[in-house]
Structure formats: C-alpha cells, structure tokens
Amino acid sequence: MDAATQITPTFLTQCGLSELLRLPERTLEDWCVMQAGPPYPKLGRHVRYDLQDVLT
C-alpha cells in the first residue's frame, strides 16, 4: 500500500453504506436524527460516511 492510498479517505453515500451494512437507508436516517451510528460529515446538503470510521 503506498502513502497516497493511506491518506486518501474513502467516503460512502447513504445508499452505499446501507448496502455495506445490509440495513435500510431509513435506519441510517434515523441514526442521523438521533445522533447515533457512525460519524459523518455533511458536504453541502449531502451526508457522507468515511469508510475508515465505519470499519472502526
């Protein structure tokens, strides 16, 4: 693994995370409202999940 791969974050959409975790997207939306689940930054009006935070 080279240095660029280690520092480049990989972000998942809500749809991508729901497929990875095999959960409904609605569950992720509920987690956002309740401030539970994996941390996420908002990029504009879009929620993205850092893959490393999800795996941790």
N, C-alpha and C. Protein backbone atom coordinates (compact mmCIF):
# COMPACT_ATOMS: atom_id res chain seq x y z
N MET A 1 0.85 -1.16 0.00
CA MET A 1 0.00 0.00 0.00
C MET A 1 0.90 1.24 0.00
N ASP A 2 0.69 2.15 -0.93
CA ASP A 2 1.53 3.34 -0.99
C ASP A 2 0.97 4.45 -0.09
N ALA A 3 1.75 5.52 0.09
CA ALA A 3 1.38 6.60 1.00
C ALA A 3 0.10 7.30 0.58
N ALA A 4 -0.13 7.48 -0.73
CA ALA A 4 -1.33 8.16 -1.20
C ALA A 4 -2.59 7.37 -0.84
N THR A 5 -2.53 6.08 -0.89
CA THR A 5 -3.68 5.25 -0.56
C THR A 5 -4.01 5.34 0.93
N GLN A 6 -2.99 5.48 1.77
CA GLN A 6 -3.19 5.52 3.21
C GLN A 6 -3.84 6.82 3.67
N ILE A 7 -3.59 7.93 2.99
CA ILE A 7 -4.12 9.20 3.46
C ILE A 7 -5.37 9.66 2.72
N THR A 8 -5.72 8.98 1.64
CA THR A 8 -6.90 9.35 0.87
C THR A 8 -8.13 8.72 1.49
N PRO A 9 -9.04 9.54 2.05
CA PRO A 9 -10.24 8.96 2.65
C PRO A 9 -11.20 8.46 1.57
N THR A 10 -11.91 7.42 1.88
CA THR A 10 -12.94 6.89 1.00
C THR A 10 -14.28 7.16 1.66
N PHE A 11 -15.12 7.90 0.97
CA PHE A 11 -16.42 8.25 1.51
C PHE A 11 -17.51 7.44 0.84
N LEU A 12 -18.49 7.03 1.63
CA LEU A 12 -19.63 6.28 1.14
C LEU A 12 -20.88 7.15 1.20
N THR A 13 -21.74 6.96 0.24
CA THR A 13 -23.04 7.60 0.29
C THR A 13 -23.92 6.83 1.27
N GLN A 14 -25.07 7.37 1.56
CA GLN A 14 -26.00 6.68 2.44
C GLN A 14 -26.43 5.36 1.82
N CYS A 15 -26.64 5.36 0.52
CA CYS A 15 -27.03 4.14 -0.19
C CYS A 15 -25.90 3.11 -0.11
N GLY A 16 -24.67 3.55 -0.34
CA GLY A 16 -23.53 2.64 -0.29
C GLY A 16 -23.33 2.04 1.09
N LEU A 17 -23.51 2.87 2.13
CA LEU A 17 -23.35 2.36 3.49
C LEU A 17 -24.47 1.39 3.84
N SER A 18 -25.68 1.67 3.40
CA SER A 18 -26.78 0.76 3.71
C SER A 18 -26.55 -0.61 3.05
N GLU A 19 -25.97 -0.62 1.86
CA GLU A 19 -25.64 -1.89 1.21
C GLU A 19 -24.53 -2.61 1.95
N LEU A 20 -23.51 -1.86 2.40
CA LEU A 20 -22.39 -2.46 3.12
C LEU A 20 -22.85 -3.08 4.43
N LEU A 21 -23.68 -2.36 5.17
CA LEU A 21 -24.15 -2.84 6.48
C LEU A 21 -25.41 -3.70 6.39
N ARG A 22 -25.99 -3.76 5.20
CA ARG A 22 -27.23 -4.51 4.97
C ARG A 22 -28.35 -4.02 5.90
N LEU A 23 -28.48 -2.69 5.92
CA LEU A 23 -29.53 -2.03 6.70
C LEU A 23 -30.34 -1.16 5.76
N PRO A 24 -31.60 -0.91 6.09
CA PRO A 24 -32.38 0.02 5.28
C PRO A 24 -31.81 1.44 5.40
N GLU A 25 -31.94 2.21 4.33
CA GLU A 25 -31.49 3.59 4.36
C GLU A 25 -32.22 4.37 5.45
N ARG A 26 -33.45 4.02 5.69
CA ARG A 26 -34.25 4.71 6.72
C ARG A 26 -33.59 4.58 8.10
N THR A 27 -32.96 3.45 8.38
CA THR A 27 -32.27 3.26 9.66
C THR A 27 -31.14 4.27 9.79
N LEU A 28 -30.39 4.47 8.71
CA LEU A 28 -29.29 5.45 8.73
C LEU A 28 -29.84 6.86 8.93
N GLU A 29 -30.96 7.16 8.31
CA GLU A 29 -31.59 8.47 8.50
C GLU A 29 -32.01 8.67 9.96
N ASP A 30 -32.56 7.62 10.55
CA ASP A 30 -32.95 7.69 11.97
C ASP A 30 -31.73 7.91 12.85
N TRP A 31 -30.61 7.24 12.53
CA TRP A 31 -29.38 7.41 13.30
C TRP A 31 -28.89 8.85 13.22
N CYS A 32 -29.02 9.47 12.05
CA CYS A 32 -28.60 10.87 11.89
C CYS A 32 -29.42 11.77 12.80
N VAL A 33 -30.71 11.55 12.84
CA VAL A 33 -31.60 12.36 13.67
C VAL A 33 -31.29 12.16 15.16
N MET A 34 -31.02 10.91 15.55
CA MET A 34 -30.75 10.59 16.95
C MET A 34 -29.28 10.81 17.32
N GLN A 35 -28.46 11.22 16.35
CA GLN A 35 -27.02 11.41 16.54
C GLN A 35 -26.37 10.13 17.05
N ALA A 36 -26.71 9.03 16.42
CA ALA A 36 -26.15 7.72 16.73
C ALA A 36 -25.47 7.18 15.48
N GLY A 37 -24.87 6.02 15.58
CA GLY A 37 -24.24 5.41 14.42
C GLY A 37 -22.89 6.02 14.12
N PRO A 38 -22.34 5.69 12.95
CA PRO A 38 -21.00 6.20 12.61
C PRO A 38 -21.01 7.71 12.39
N PRO A 39 -19.90 8.38 12.70
CA PRO A 39 -19.83 9.82 12.45
C PRO A 39 -19.86 10.12 10.96
N TYR A 40 -20.31 11.30 10.61
CA TYR A 40 -20.41 11.66 9.20
C TYR A 40 -20.22 13.15 9.03
N PRO A 41 -19.53 13.56 7.98
CA PRO A 41 -19.50 14.98 7.63
C PRO A 41 -20.62 15.27 6.64
N LYS A 42 -21.10 16.48 6.65
CA LYS A 42 -22.07 16.90 5.64
C LYS A 42 -21.31 17.73 4.63
N LEU A 43 -21.36 17.32 3.40
CA LEU A 43 -20.74 18.05 2.30
C LEU A 43 -21.86 18.75 1.55
N GLY A 44 -22.05 20.03 1.90
CA GLY A 44 -23.22 20.73 1.38
C GLY A 44 -24.43 20.16 2.09
N ARG A 45 -25.37 19.66 1.33
CA ARG A 45 -26.54 19.03 1.95
C ARG A 45 -26.46 17.51 1.91
N HIS A 46 -25.32 16.98 1.51
CA HIS A 46 -25.15 15.54 1.36
C HIS A 46 -24.39 14.96 2.54
N VAL A 47 -24.86 13.85 3.06
CA VAL A 47 -24.19 13.14 4.14
C VAL A 47 -23.27 12.10 3.51
N ARG A 48 -22.03 12.07 3.99
CA ARG A 48 -21.07 11.07 3.53
C ARG A 48 -20.46 10.40 4.74
N TYR A 49 -20.12 9.13 4.61
CA TYR A 49 -19.54 8.36 5.70
C TYR A 49 -18.13 7.96 5.31
N ASP A 50 -17.17 8.22 6.20
CA ASP A 50 -15.79 7.82 5.97
C ASP A 50 -15.71 6.31 6.22
N LEU A 51 -15.23 5.58 5.24
CA LEU A 51 -15.17 4.12 5.35
C LEU A 51 -14.34 3.68 6.55
N GLN A 52 -13.24 4.38 6.83
CA GLN A 52 -12.39 4.01 7.96
C GLN A 52 -13.14 4.16 9.28
N ASP A 53 -13.95 5.22 9.43
CA ASP A 53 -14.75 5.40 10.64
C ASP A 53 -15.79 4.31 10.76
N VAL A 54 -16.38 3.90 9.68
CA VAL A 54 -17.40 2.85 9.69
C VAL A 54 -16.77 1.53 10.12
N LEU A 55 -15.61 1.22 9.59
CA LEU A 55 -14.95 -0.05 9.93
C LEU A 55 -14.44 -0.07 11.37
N THR A 56 -14.13 1.11 11.90
CA THR A 56 -13.66 1.19 13.28
C THR A 56 -14.82 0.96 14.20
